[in-house]
Amino acid sequence: MKERGFDLEDRLIEFAVRVIRVAEALPKTPVGNHIRGQLSRSGTSPAPNYGEAQSAESRSDFIHKLKIVLKELRETRVWLLMIVRAGLLKPTDALTPLLHETDELIAIFVTSVKTAVKGRP
């Protein structure tokens, strides 16, 4: 179980690094700067929040922290979609797979939250 947790944490850290790279590639315009800041915050948040979940004080605290991870992943997905639709960056070898990874991580955490809630006493 510990190994799976580490793999997911590492995956979230790699996700954050990829988000940072996309954020840094955004144009240096007022809109680009705004989205860069928002994307940077939401896209780097899941990894440390997942780390906090690993030392949750209770099942309820664990579920709460997983829900924060999920919320931040969903927000990141919306910012990435806005970048594509606004044409701020072209769908590239970096952006398209990042959107796919975001969807996979969301699915993982939706399932994790459901499992944790189901096991709640």
PDB file of N, CA and C in Angstrom:
ATOM      1  N   MET A   1       0.836  -1.199   0.000  1.00  0.00           N
ATOM      2  CA  MET A   1       0.000   0.000   0.000  1.00  0.00           C
ATOM      3  C   MET A   1       0.874   1.254   0.000  1.00  0.00           C
ATOM      4  N   LYS A   2       1.930   1.258   0.774  1.00  0.00           N
ATOM      5  CA  LYS A   2       2.828   2.406   0.837  1.00  0.00           C
ATOM      6  C   LYS A   2       3.423   2.700  -0.536  1.00  0.00           C
ATOM      7  N   GLU A   3       3.783   1.639  -1.267  1.00  0.00           N
ATOM      8  CA  GLU A   3       4.370   1.826  -2.590  1.00  0.00           C
ATOM      9  C   GLU A   3       3.387   2.494  -3.536  1.00  0.00           C
ATOM     10  N   ARG A   4       2.106   2.081  -3.496  1.00  0.00           N
ATOM     11  CA  ARG A   4       1.087   2.705  -4.348  1.00  0.00           C
ATOM     12  C   ARG A   4       0.930   4.176  -3.993  1.00  0.00           C
ATOM     13  N   GLY A   5       0.937   4.494  -2.700  1.00  0.00           N
ATOM     14  CA  GLY A   5       0.821   5.886  -2.271  1.00  0.00           C
ATOM     15  C   GLY A   5       1.977   6.713  -2.783  1.00  0.00           C
ATOM     16  N   PHE A   6       3.169   6.168  -2.709  1.00  0.00           N
ATOM     17  CA  PHE A   6       4.341   6.874  -3.197  1.00  0.00           C
ATOM     18  C   PHE A   6       4.247   7.090  -4.700  1.00  0.00           C
ATOM     19  N   ASP A   7       3.793   6.082  -5.427  1.00  0.00           N
ATOM     20  CA  ASP A   7       3.654   6.228  -6.871  1.00  0.00           C
ATOM     21  C   ASP A   7       2.680   7.352  -7.216  1.00  0.00           C
ATOM     22  N   LEU A   8       1.578   7.445  -6.497  1.00  0.00           N
ATOM     23  CA  LEU A   8       0.600   8.487  -6.761  1.00  0.00           C
ATOM     24  C   LEU A   8       1.160   9.858  -6.384  1.00  0.00           C
ATOM     25  N   GLU A   9       1.867   9.931  -5.282  1.00  0.00           N
ATOM     26  CA  GLU A   9       2.487  11.191  -4.897  1.00  0.00           C
ATOM     27  C   GLU A   9       3.492  11.627  -5.962  1.00  0.00           C
ATOM     28  N   ASP A  10       4.305  10.708  -6.433  1.00  0.00           N
ATOM     29  CA  ASP A  10       5.283  11.020  -7.467  1.00  0.00           C
ATOM     30  C   ASP A  10       4.576  11.467  -8.749  1.00  0.00           C
ATOM     31  N   ARG A  11       3.487  10.821  -9.069  1.00  0.00           N
ATOM     32  CA  ARG A  11       2.707  11.189 -10.263  1.00  0.00           C
ATOM     33  C   ARG A  11       2.160  12.605 -10.126  1.00  0.00           C
ATOM     34  N   LEU A  12       1.700  12.964  -8.933  1.00  0.00           N
ATOM     35  CA  LEU A  12       1.181  14.311  -8.703  1.00  0.00           C
ATOM     36  C   LEU A  12       2.290  15.361  -8.760  1.00  0.00           C
ATOM     37  N   ILE A  13       3.469  15.000  -8.283  1.00  0.00           N
ATOM     38  CA  ILE A  13       4.601  15.927  -8.364  1.00  0.00           C
ATOM     39  C   ILE A  13       4.985  16.142  -9.828  1.00  0.00           C
ATOM     40  N   GLU A  14       5.043  15.067 -10.591  1.00  0.00           N
ATOM     41  CA  GLU A  14       5.350  15.180 -12.018  1.00  0.00           C
ATOM     42  C   GLU A  14       4.275  16.002 -12.732  1.00  0.00           C
ATOM     43  N   PHE A  15       3.016  15.809 -12.347  1.00  0.00           N
ATOM     44  CA  PHE A  15       1.912  16.594 -12.892  1.00  0.00           C
ATOM     45  C   PHE A  15       2.153  18.081 -12.632  1.00  0.00           C
ATOM     46  N   ALA A  16       2.544  18.416 -11.405  1.00  0.00           N
ATOM     47  CA  ALA A  16       2.803  19.817 -11.043  1.00  0.00           C
ATOM     48  C   ALA A  16       3.926  20.402 -11.891  1.00  0.00           C
ATOM     49  N   VAL A  17       4.963  19.640 -12.112  1.00  0.00           N
ATOM     50  CA  VAL A  17       6.089  20.109 -12.928  1.00  0.00           C
ATOM     51  C   VAL A  17       5.621  20.385 -14.360  1.00  0.00           C
ATOM     52  N   ARG A  18       4.797  19.499 -14.887  1.00  0.00           N
ATOM     53  CA  ARG A  18       4.282  19.687 -16.246  1.00  0.00           C
ATOM     54  C   ARG A  18       3.380  20.924 -16.321  1.00  0.00           C
ATOM     55  N   VAL A  19       2.576  21.145 -15.296  1.00  0.00           N
ATOM     56  CA  VAL A  19       1.724  22.334 -15.247  1.00  0.00           C
ATOM     57  C   VAL A  19       2.594  23.594 -15.200  1.00  0.00           C
ATOM     58  N   ILE A  20       3.638  23.570 -14.418  1.00  0.00           N
ATOM     59  CA  ILE A  20       4.548  24.717 -14.326  1.00  0.00           C
ATOM     60  C   ILE A  20       5.120  25.045 -15.700  1.00  0.00           C
ATOM     61  N   ARG A  21       5.514  24.024 -16.436  1.00  0.00           N
ATOM     62  CA  ARG A  21       6.079  24.245 -17.776  1.00  0.00           C
ATOM     63  C   ARG A  21       5.055  24.882 -18.717  1.00  0.00           C
ATOM     64  N   VAL A  22       3.816  24.419 -18.645  1.00  0.00           N
ATOM     65  CA  VAL A  22       2.760  25.013 -19.474  1.00  0.00           C
ATOM     66  C   VAL A  22       2.529  26.463 -19.044  1.00  0.00           C
ATOM     67  N   ALA A  23       2.457  26.697 -17.743  1.00  0.00           N
ATOM     68  CA  ALA A  23       2.227  28.052 -17.242  1.00  0.00           C
ATOM     69  C   ALA A  23       3.328  29.001 -17.711  1.00  0.00           C
ATOM     70  N   GLU A  24       4.557  28.538 -17.676  1.00  0.00           N
ATOM     71  CA  GLU A  24       5.677  29.385 -18.096  1.00  0.00           C
ATOM     72  C   GLU A  24       5.658  29.676 -19.597  1.00  0.00           C
ATOM     73  N   ALA A  25       4.992  28.820 -20.370  1.00  0.00           N
ATOM     74  CA  ALA A  25       4.925  29.014 -21.824  1.00  0.00           C
ATOM     75  C   ALA A  25       3.816  29.978 -22.236  1.00  0.00           C
ATOM     76  N   LEU A  26       2.946  30.360 -21.304  1.00  0.00           N
ATOM     77  CA  LEU A  26       1.847  31.267 -21.644  1.00  0.00           C
ATOM     78  C   LEU A  26       2.388  32.638 -22.035  1.00  0.00           C
ATOM     79  N   PRO A  27       1.648  33.329 -22.901  1.00  0.00           N
ATOM     80  CA  PRO A  27       2.121  34.653 -23.329  1.00  0.00           C
ATOM     81  C   PRO A  27       2.181  35.637 -22.164  1.00  0.00           C
ATOM     82  N   LYS A  28       3.103  36.562 -22.272  1.00  0.00           N
ATOM     83  CA  LYS A  28       3.281  37.589 -21.229  1.00  0.00           C
ATOM     84  C   LYS A  28       2.334  38.758 -21.522  1.00  0.00           C
ATOM     85  N   THR A  29       1.033  38.460 -21.398  1.00  0.00           N
ATOM     86  CA  THR A  29      -0.027  39.451 -21.594  1.00  0.00           C
ATOM     87  C   THR A  29      -0.844  39.495 -20.314  1.00  0.00           C
ATOM     88  N   PRO A  30      -1.730  40.485 -20.149  1.00  0.00           N
ATOM     89  CA  PRO A  30      -2.560  40.499 -18.943  1.00  0.00           C
ATOM     90  C   PRO A  30      -3.343  39.190 -18.748  1.00  0.00           C
ATOM     91  N   VAL A  31      -3.951  38.677 -19.806  1.00  0.00           N
ATOM     92  CA  VAL A  31      -4.706  37.426 -19.687  1.00  0.00           C
ATOM     93  C   VAL A  31      -3.764  36.258 -19.417  1.00  0.00           C
ATOM     94  N   GLY A  32      -2.664  36.207 -20.154  1.00  0.00           N
ATOM     95  CA  GLY A  32      -1.684  35.139 -19.938  1.00  0.00           C
ATOM     96  C   GLY A  32      -1.151  35.141 -18.519  1.00  0.00           C
ATOM     97  N   ASN A  33      -0.869  36.329 -17.993  1.00  0.00           N
ATOM     98  CA  ASN A  33      -0.363  36.446 -16.623  1.00  0.00           C
ATOM     99  C   ASN A  33      -1.409  35.978 -15.605  1.00  0.00           C
ATOM    100  N   HIS A  34      -2.663  36.364 -15.834  1.00  0.00           N
ATOM    101  CA  HIS A  34      -3.739  35.949 -14.922  1.00  0.00           C
ATOM    102  C   HIS A  34      -3.880  34.426 -14.908  1.00  0.00           C
ATOM    103  N   ILE A  35      -3.970  33.850 -16.094  1.00  0.00           N
ATOM    104  CA  ILE A  35      -4.151  32.398 -16.180  1.00  0.00           C
ATOM    105  C   ILE A  35      -2.910  31.682 -15.655  1.00  0.00           C
ATOM    106  N   ARG A  36      -1.723  32.220 -15.916  1.00  0.00           N
ATOM    107  CA  ARG A  36      -0.489  31.622 -15.407  1.00  0.00           C
ATOM    108  C   ARG A  36      -0.541  31.482 -13.886  1.00  0.00           C
ATOM    109  N   GLY A  37      -0.963  32.553 -13.223  1.00  0.00           N
ATOM    110  CA  GLY A  37      -1.032  32.517 -11.762  1.00  0.00           C
ATOM    111  C   GLY A  37      -2.057  31.519 -11.253  1.00  0.00           C
ATOM    112  N   GLN A  38      -3.242  31.549 -11.858  1.00  0.00           N
ATOM    113  CA  GLN A  38      -4.308  30.639 -11.433  1.00  0.00           C
ATOM    114  C   GLN A  38      -3.920  29.180 -11.701  1.00  0.00           C
ATOM    115  N   LEU A  39      -3.393  28.920 -12.892  1.00  0.00           N
ATOM    116  CA  LEU A  39      -2.984  27.562 -13.263  1.00  0.00           C
ATOM    117  C   LEU A  39      -1.859  27.070 -12.358  1.00  0.00           C
ATOM    118  N   SER A  40      -0.915  27.949 -12.080  1.00  0.00           N
ATOM    119  CA  SER A  40       0.200  27.565 -11.204  1.00  0.00           C
ATOM    120  C   SER A  40      -0.289  27.177  -9.816  1.00  0.00           C
ATOM    121  N   ARG A  41      -1.236  27.945  -9.294  1.00  0.00           N
ATOM    122  CA  ARG A  41      -1.744  27.642  -7.954  1.00  0.00           C
ATOM    123  C   ARG A  41      -2.538  26.334  -7.925  1.00  0.00           C
ATOM    124  N   SER A  42      -3.475  26.198  -8.855  1.00  0.00           N
ATOM    125  CA  SER A  42      -4.320  24.996  -8.827  1.00  0.00           C
ATOM    126  C   SER A  42      -3.544  23.751  -9.242  1.00  0.00           C
ATOM    127  N   GLY A  43      -2.621  23.878 -10.185  1.00  0.00           N
ATOM    128  CA  GLY A  43      -1.915  22.719 -10.702  1.00  0.00           C
ATOM    129  C   GLY A  43      -0.800  22.199  -9.820  1.00  0.00           C
ATOM    130  N   THR A  44      -0.300  23.057  -8.932  1.00  0.00           N
ATOM    131  CA  THR A  44       0.743  22.605  -8.004  1.00  0.00           C
ATOM    132  C   THR A  44       0.174  22.222  -6.649  1.00  0.00           C
ATOM    133  N   SER A  45      -1.083  22.491  -6.417  1.00  0.00           N
ATOM    134  CA  SER A  45      -1.724  22.207  -5.138  1.00  0.00           C
ATOM    135  C   SER A  45      -2.015  20.726  -4.861  1.00  0.00           C
ATOM    136  N   PRO A  46      -2.398  19.915  -5.852  1.00  0.00           N
ATOM    137  CA  PRO A  46      -2.758  18.534  -5.543  1.00  0.00           C
ATOM    138  C   PRO A  46      -1.660  17.729  -4.841  1.00  0.00           C
ATOM    139  N   ALA A  47      -0.417  17.866  -5.256  1.00  0.00           N
ATOM    140  CA  ALA A  47       0.666  17.072  -4.658  1.00  0.00           C
ATOM    141  C   ALA A  47       0.822  17.336  -3.154  1.00  0.00           C
ATOM    142  N   PRO A  48       0.974  18.588  -2.712  1.00  0.00           N
ATOM    143  CA  PRO A  48       1.115  18.792  -1.275  1.00  0.00           C
ATOM    144  C   PRO A  48      -0.161  18.464  -0.494  1.00  0.00           C
ATOM    145  N   ASN A  49      -1.322  18.677  -1.100  1.00  0.00           N
ATOM    146  CA  ASN A  49      -2.559  18.311  -0.400  1.00  0.00           C
ATOM    147  C   ASN A  49      -2.678  16.798  -0.256  1.00  0.00           C
ATOM    148  N   TYR A  50      -2.233  16.058  -1.251  1.00  0.00           N
ATOM    149  CA  TYR A  50      -2.220  14.600  -1.140  1.00  0.00           C
ATOM    150  C   TYR A  50      -1.239  14.183  -0.038  1.00  0.00           C
ATOM    151  N   GLY A  51      -0.099  14.877   0.024  1.00  0.00           N
ATOM    152  CA  GLY A  51       0.862  14.607   1.096  1.00  0.00           C
ATOM    153  C   GLY A  51       0.240  14.825   2.465  1.00  0.00           C
ATOM    154  N   GLU A  52      -0.555  15.886   2.593  1.00  0.00           N
ATOM    155  CA  GLU A  52      -1.248  16.142   3.859  1.00  0.00           C
ATOM    156  C   GLU A  52      -2.266  15.048   4.157  1.00  0.00           C
ATOM    157  N   ALA A  53      -2.929  14.557   3.138  1.00  0.00           N
ATOM    158  CA  ALA A  53      -3.927  13.490   3.333  1.00  0.00           C
ATOM    159  C   ALA A  53      -3.281  12.243   3.916  1.00  0.00           C
ATOM    160  N   GLN A  54      -2.029  12.008   3.566  1.00  0.00           N
ATOM    161  CA  GLN A  54      -1.339  10.815   4.054  1.00  0.00           C
ATOM    162  C   GLN A  54      -1.127  10.844   5.562  1.00  0.00           C
ATOM    163  N   SER A  55      -1.182  12.020   6.153  1.00  0.00           N
ATOM    164  CA  SER A  55      -1.040  12.106   7.610  1.00  0.00           C
ATOM    165  C   SER A  55      -2.290  12.722   8.233  1.00  0.00           C
ATOM    166  N   ALA A  56      -3.425  12.420   7.637  1.00  0.00           N
ATOM    167  CA  ALA A  56      -4.701  12.949   8.145  1.00  0.00           C
ATOM    168  C   ALA A  56      -4.931  12.472   9.572  1.00  0.00           C
ATOM    169  N   GLU A  57      -5.627  13.288  10.328  1.00  0.00           N
ATOM    170  CA  GLU A  57      -5.877  12.986  11.739  1.00  0.00           C
ATOM    171  C   GLU A  57      -7.075  12.069  11.948  1.00  0.00           C
ATOM    172  N   SER A  58      -7.907  11.930  10.931  1.00  0.00           N
ATOM    173  CA  SER A  58      -9.089  11.072  11.025  1.00  0.00           C
ATOM    174  C   SER A  58      -9.538  10.708   9.622  1.00  0.00           C
ATOM    175  N   ARG A  59     -10.468   9.783   9.517  1.00  0.00           N
ATOM    176  CA  ARG A  59     -11.014   9.422   8.203  1.00  0.00           C
ATOM    177  C   ARG A  59     -11.693  10.639   7.575  1.00  0.00           C
ATOM    178  N   SER A  60     -12.411  11.408   8.382  1.00  0.00           N
ATOM    179  CA  SER A  60     -13.073  12.607   7.853  1.00  0.00           C
ATOM    180  C   SER A  60     -12.053  13.615   7.331  1.00  0.00           C
ATOM    181  N   ASP A  61     -10.955  13.783   8.052  1.00  0.00           N
ATOM    182  CA  ASP A  61      -9.892  14.684   7.618  1.00  0.00           C
ATOM    183  C   ASP A  61      -9.266  14.173   6.319  1.00  0.00           C
ATOM    184  N   PHE A  62      -9.058  12.868   6.230  1.00  0.00           N
ATOM    185  CA  PHE A  62      -8.515  12.243   5.018  1.00  0.00           C
ATOM    186  C   PHE A  62      -9.424  12.508   3.823  1.00  0.00           C
ATOM    187  N   ILE A  63     -10.719  12.276   4.003  1.00  0.00           N
ATOM    188  CA  ILE A  63     -11.691  12.498   2.925  1.00  0.00           C
ATOM    189  C   ILE A  63     -11.700  13.970   2.512  1.00  0.00           C
ATOM    190  N   HIS A  64     -11.681  14.846   3.488  1.00  0.00           N
ATOM    191  CA  HIS A  64     -11.671  16.287   3.206  1.00  0.00           C
ATOM    192  C   HIS A  64     -10.462  16.669   2.351  1.00  0.00           C
ATOM    193  N   LYS A  65      -9.294  16.166   2.717  1.00  0.00           N
ATOM    194  CA  LYS A  65      -8.078  16.498   1.977  1.00  0.00           C
ATOM    195  C   LYS A  65      -8.099  15.899   0.572  1.00  0.00           C
ATOM    196  N   LEU A  66      -8.629  14.690   0.425  1.00  0.00           N
ATOM    197  CA  LEU A  66      -8.765  14.108  -0.917  1.00  0.00           C
ATOM    198  C   LEU A  66      -9.714  14.948  -1.772  1.00  0.00           C
ATOM    199  N   LYS A  67     -10.768  15.461  -1.158  1.00  0.00           N
ATOM    200  CA  LYS A  67     -11.703  16.310  -1.898  1.00  0.00           C
ATOM    201  C   LYS A  67     -11.043  17.611  -2.341  1.00  0.00           C
ATOM    202  N   ILE A  68     -10.121  18.125  -1.553  1.00  0.00           N
ATOM    203  CA  ILE A  68      -9.375  19.320  -1.948  1.00  0.00           C
ATOM    204  C   ILE A  68      -8.502  19.001  -3.155  1.00  0.00           C
ATOM    205  N   VAL A  69      -7.835  17.845  -3.129  1.00  0.00           N
ATOM    206  CA  VAL A  69      -7.029  17.422  -4.276  1.00  0.00           C
ATOM    207  C   VAL A  69      -7.906  17.375  -5.524  1.00  0.00           C
ATOM    208  N   LEU A  70      -9.060  16.759  -5.408  1.00  0.00           N
ATOM    209  CA  LEU A  70      -9.989  16.621  -6.531  1.00  0.00           C
ATOM    210  C   LEU A  70     -10.459  17.987  -7.031  1.00  0.00           C
ATOM    211  N   LYS A  71     -10.794  18.866  -6.115  1.00  0.00           N
ATOM    212  CA  LYS A  71     -11.239  20.219  -6.477  1.00  0.00           C
ATOM    213  C   LYS A  71     -10.160  20.960  -7.258  1.00  0.00           C
ATOM    214  N   GLU A  72      -8.927  20.866  -6.814  1.00  0.00           N
ATOM    215  CA  GLU A  72      -7.822  21.553  -7.487  1.00  0.00           C
ATOM    216  C   GLU A  72      -7.535  20.943  -8.860  1.00  0.00           C
ATOM    217  N   LEU A  73      -7.656  19.628  -8.972  1.00  0.00           N
ATOM    218  CA  LEU A  73      -7.472  18.986 -10.277  1.00  0.00           C
ATOM    219  C   LEU A  73      -8.544  19.442 -11.257  1.00  0.00           C
ATOM    220  N   ARG A  74      -9.778  19.522 -10.788  1.00  0.00           N
ATOM    221  CA  ARG A  74     -10.864  19.976 -11.666  1.00  0.00           C
ATOM    222  C   ARG A  74     -10.656  21.429 -12.099  1.00  0.00           C
ATOM    223  N   GLU A  75     -10.198  22.251 -11.180  1.00  0.00           N
ATOM    224  CA  GLU A  75      -9.925  23.649 -11.534  1.00  0.00           C
ATOM    225  C   GLU A  75      -8.809  23.723 -12.571  1.00  0.00           C
ATOM    226  N   THR A  76      -7.769  22.940 -12.376  1.00  0.00           N
ATOM    227  CA  THR A  76      -6.657  22.913 -13.328  1.00  0.00           C
ATOM    228  C   THR A  76      -7.147  22.510 -14.711  1.00  0.00           C
ATOM    229  N   ARG A  77      -8.023  21.516 -14.764  1.00  0.00           N
ATOM    230  CA  ARG A  77      -8.574  21.058 -16.042  1.00  0.00           C
ATOM    231  C   ARG A  77      -9.286  22.203 -16.768  1.00  0.00           C
ATOM    232  N   VAL A  78     -10.060  22.981 -16.028  1.00  0.00           N
ATOM    233  CA  VAL A  78     -10.790  24.101 -16.635  1.00  0.00           C
ATOM    234  C   VAL A  78      -9.816  25.141 -17.171  1.00  0.00           C
ATOM    235  N   TRP A  79      -8.767  25.472 -16.418  1.00  0.00           N
ATOM    236  CA  TRP A  79      -7.784  26.442 -16.900  1.00  0.00           C
ATOM    237  C   TRP A  79      -7.097  25.928 -18.162  1.00  0.00           C
ATOM    238  N   LEU A  80      -6.748  24.643 -18.185  1.00  0.00           N
ATOM    239  CA  LEU A  80      -6.108  24.076 -19.373  1.00  0.00           C
ATOM    240  C   LEU A  80      -7.030  24.146 -20.587  1.00  0.00           C
ATOM    241  N   LEU A  81      -8.301  23.837 -20.382  1.00  0.00           N
ATOM    242  CA  LEU A  81      -9.270  23.920 -21.482  1.00  0.00           C
ATOM    243  C   LEU A  81      -9.426  25.358 -21.970  1.00  0.00           C
ATOM    244  N   MET A  82      -9.414  26.316 -21.050  1.00  0.00           N
ATOM    245  CA  MET A  82      -9.489  27.722 -21.452  1.00  0.00           C
ATOM    246  C   MET A  82      -8.285  28.119 -22.291  1.00  0.00           C
ATOM    247  N   ILE A  83      -7.107  27.640 -21.904  1.00  0.00           N
ATOM    248  CA  ILE A  83      -5.889  27.941 -22.665  1.00  0.00           C
ATOM    249  C   ILE A  83      -6.032  27.446 -24.099  1.00  0.00           C
ATOM    250  N   VAL A  84      -6.529  26.223 -24.255  1.00  0.00           N
ATOM    251  CA  VAL A  84      -6.701  25.645 -25.589  1.00  0.00           C
ATOM    252  C   VAL A  84      -7.762  26.409 -26.369  1.00  0.00           C
ATOM    253  N   ARG A  85      -8.919  26.619 -25.771  1.00  0.00           N
ATOM    254  CA  ARG A  85     -10.024  27.264 -26.501  1.00  0.00           C
ATOM    255  C   ARG A  85      -9.750  28.722 -26.840  1.00  0.00           C
ATOM    256  N   ALA A  86      -8.994  29.400 -25.984  1.00  0.00           N
ATOM    257  CA  ALA A  86      -8.653  30.795 -26.262  1.00  0.00           C
ATOM    258  C   ALA A  86      -7.476  30.902 -27.229  1.00  0.00           C
ATOM    259  N   GLY A  87      -6.871  29.775 -27.527  1.00  0.00           N
ATOM    260  CA  GLY A  87      -5.737  29.783 -28.447  1.00  0.00           C
ATOM    261  C   GLY A  87      -4.480  30.391 -27.856  1.00  0.00           C
ATOM    262  N   LEU A  88      -4.382  30.396 -26.526  1.00  0.00           N
ATOM    263  CA  LEU A  88      -3.192  30.958 -25.882  1.00  0.00           C
ATOM    264  C   LEU A  88      -1.970  30.089 -26.137  1.00  0.00           C
ATOM    265  N   LEU A  89      -2.187  28.785 -26.206  1.00  0.00           N
ATOM    266  CA  LEU A  89      -1.151  27.829 -26.602  1.00  0.00           C
ATOM    267  C   LEU A  89      -1.816  26.836 -27.536  1.00  0.00           C
ATOM    268  N   LYS A  90      -1.067  26.368 -28.487  1.00  0.00           N
ATOM    269  CA  LYS A  90      -1.610  25.359 -29.386  1.00  0.00           C
ATOM    270  C   LYS A  90      -1.543  23.991 -28.702  1.00  0.00           C
ATOM    271  N   PRO A  91      -2.536  23.142 -28.955  1.00  0.00           N
ATOM    272  CA  PRO A  91      -2.445  21.780 -28.409  1.00  0.00           C
ATOM    273  C   PRO A  91      -1.152  21.144 -28.931  1.00  0.00           C
ATOM    274  N   THR A  92      -0.258  20.879 -28.025  1.00  0.00           N
ATOM    275  CA  THR A  92       1.067  20.381 -28.377  1.00  0.00           C
ATOM    276  C   THR A  92       1.293  19.012 -27.767  1.00  0.00           C
ATOM    277  N   ASP A  93       2.491  18.529 -27.973  1.00  0.00           N
ATOM    278  CA  ASP A  93       2.864  17.263 -27.358  1.00  0.00           C
ATOM    279  C   ASP A  93       2.880  17.365 -25.836  1.00  0.00           C
ATOM    280  N   ALA A  94       2.947  18.570 -25.291  1.00  0.00           N
ATOM    281  CA  ALA A  94       2.918  18.744 -23.836  1.00  0.00           C
ATOM    282  C   ALA A  94       1.502  18.968 -23.327  1.00  0.00           C
ATOM    283  N   LEU A  95       0.741  19.789 -24.007  1.00  0.00           N
ATOM    284  CA  LEU A  95      -0.574  20.195 -23.513  1.00  0.00           C
ATOM    285  C   LEU A  95      -1.633  19.090 -23.619  1.00  0.00           C
ATOM    286  N   THR A  96      -1.715  18.439 -24.753  1.00  0.00           N
ATOM    287  CA  THR A  96      -2.731  17.402 -24.939  1.00  0.00           C
ATOM    288  C   THR A  96      -2.548  16.244 -23.960  1.00  0.00           C
ATOM    289  N   PRO A  97      -1.331  15.710 -23.786  1.00  0.00           N
ATOM    290  CA  PRO A  97      -1.162  14.645 -22.792  1.00  0.00           C
ATOM    291  C   PRO A  97      -1.410  15.125 -21.360  1.00  0.00           C
ATOM    292  N   LEU A  98      -1.141  16.398 -21.090  1.00  0.00           N
ATOM    293  CA  LEU A  98      -1.396  16.928 -19.753  1.00  0.00           C
ATOM    294  C   LEU A  98      -2.892  16.950 -19.461  1.00  0.00           C
ATOM    295  N   LEU A  99      -3.690  17.307 -20.440  1.00  0.00           N
ATOM    296  CA  LEU A  99      -5.148  17.250 -20.265  1.00  0.00           C
ATOM    297  C   LEU A  99      -5.599  15.812 -20.012  1.00  0.00           C
ATOM    298  N   HIS A 100      -5.011  14.877 -20.728  1.00  0.00           N
ATOM    299  CA  HIS A 100      -5.343  13.462 -20.524  1.00  0.00           C
ATOM    300  C   HIS A 100      -4.954  13.024 -19.109  1.00  0.00           C
ATOM    301  N   GLU A 101      -3.775  13.414 -18.661  1.00  0.00           N
ATOM    302  CA  GLU A 101      -3.322  13.071 -17.310  1.00  0.00           C
ATOM    303  C   GLU A 101      -4.243  13.697 -16.263  1.00  0.00           C
ATOM    304  N   THR A 102      -4.684  14.913 -16.506  1.00  0.00           N
ATOM    305  CA  THR A 102      -5.612  15.567 -15.580  1.00  0.00           C
ATOM    306  C   THR A 102      -6.891  14.749 -15.452  1.00  0.00           C
ATOM    307  N   ASP A 103      -7.425  14.300 -16.577  1.00  0.00           N
ATOM    308  CA  ASP A 103      -8.634  13.473 -16.549  1.00  0.00           C
ATOM    309  C   ASP A 103      -8.410  12.161 -15.800  1.00  0.00           C
ATOM    310  N   GLU A 104      -7.258  11.533 -16.012  1.00  0.00           N
ATOM    311  CA  GLU A 104      -6.954  10.282 -15.303  1.00  0.00           C
ATOM    312  C   GLU A 104      -6.844  10.506 -13.806  1.00  0.00           C
ATOM    313  N   LEU A 105      -6.164  11.581 -13.410  1.00  0.00           N
ATOM    314  CA  LEU A 105      -6.023  11.872 -11.982  1.00  0.00           C
ATOM    315  C   LEU A 105      -7.379  12.186 -11.344  1.00  0.00           C
ATOM    316  N   ILE A 106      -8.216  12.912 -12.059  1.00  0.00           N
ATOM    317  CA  ILE A 106      -9.565  13.192 -11.550  1.00  0.00           C
ATOM    318  C   ILE A 106     -10.305  11.875 -11.321  1.00  0.00           C
ATOM    319  N   ALA A 107     -10.245  10.967 -12.276  1.00  0.00           N
ATOM    320  CA  ALA A 107     -10.926   9.675 -12.141  1.00  0.00           C
ATOM    321  C   ALA A 107     -10.391   8.896 -10.939  1.00  0.00           C
ATOM    322  N   ILE A 108      -9.083   8.921 -10.742  1.00  0.00           N
ATOM    323  CA  ILE A 108      -8.477   8.224  -9.599  1.00  0.00           C
ATOM    324  C   ILE A 108      -9.013   8.793  -8.289  1.00  0.00           C
ATOM    325  N   PHE A 109      -9.067  10.117  -8.187  1.00  0.00           N
ATOM    326  CA  PHE A 109      -9.480  10.724  -6.929  1.00  0.00           C
ATOM    327  C   PHE A 109     -10.991  10.666  -6.710  1.00  0.00           C
ATOM    328  N   VAL A 110     -11.779  10.649  -7.779  1.00  0.00           N
ATOM    329  CA  VAL A 110     -13.221  10.432  -7.621  1.00  0.00           C
ATOM    330  C   VAL A 110     -13.433   9.060  -6.995  1.00  0.00           C
ATOM    331  N   THR A 111     -12.748   8.056  -7.515  1.00  0.00           N
ATOM    332  CA  THR A 111     -12.864   6.692  -6.986  1.00  0.00           C
ATOM    333  C   THR A 111     -12.344   6.622  -5.558  1.00  0.00           C
ATOM    334  N   SER A 112     -11.229   7.286  -5.288  1.00  0.00           N
ATOM    335  CA  SER A 112     -10.652   7.279  -3.940  1.00  0.00           C
ATOM    336  C   SER A 112     -11.600   7.884  -2.915  1.00  0.00           C
ATOM    337  N   VAL A 113     -12.219   9.005  -3.288  1.00  0.00           N
ATOM    338  CA  VAL A 113     -13.168   9.651  -2.366  1.00  0.00           C
ATOM    339  C   VAL A 113     -14.359   8.735  -2.126  1.00  0.00           C
ATOM    340  N   LYS A 114     -14.899   8.142  -3.191  1.00  0.00           N
ATOM    341  CA  LYS A 114     -16.040   7.233  -3.037  1.00  0.00           C
ATOM    342  C   LYS A 114     -15.692   6.052  -2.139  1.00  0.00           C
ATOM    343  N   THR A 115     -14.507   5.491  -2.326  1.00  0.00           N
ATOM    344  CA  THR A 115     -14.075   4.360  -1.515  1.00  0.00           C
ATOM    345  C   THR A 115     -13.908   4.770  -0.056  1.00  0.00           C
ATOM    346  N   ALA A 116     -13.297   5.926   0.169  1.00  0.00           N
ATOM    347  CA  ALA A 116     -13.082   6.392   1.539  1.00  0.00           C
ATOM    348  C   ALA A 116     -14.407   6.706   2.227  1.00  0.00           C
ATOM    349  N   VAL A 117     -15.341   7.299   1.508  1.00  0.00           N
ATOM    350  CA  VAL A 117     -16.655   7.624   2.083  1.00  0.00           C
ATOM    351  C   VAL A 117     -17.417   6.332   2.400  1.00  0.00           C
ATOM    352  N   LYS A 118     -17.326   5.366   1.494  1.00  0.00           N
ATOM    353  CA  LYS A 118     -18.018   4.091   1.707  1.00  0.00           C
ATOM    354  C   LYS A 118     -17.496   3.380   2.946  1.00  0.00           C
ATOM    355  N   GLY A 119     -16.216   3.514   3.227  1.00  0.00           N
ATOM    356  CA  GLY A 119     -15.616   2.853   4.383  1.00  0.00           C
ATOM    357  C   GLY A 119     -15.738   3.624   5.673  1.00  0.00           C
ATOM    358  N   ARG A 120     -16.387   4.793   5.598  1.00  0.00           N
ATOM    359  CA  ARG A 120     -16.545   5.638   6.787  1.00  0.00           C
ATOM    360  C   ARG A 120     -17.469   4.950   7.780  1.00  0.00           C
ATOM    361  N   PRO A 121     -17.065   4.927   9.057  1.00  0.00           N
ATOM    362  CA  PRO A 121     -17.929   4.284  10.084  1.00  0.00           C
ATOM    363  C   PRO A 121     -19.206   5.061  10.335  1.00  0.00           C
TER     364      PRO A 121
END
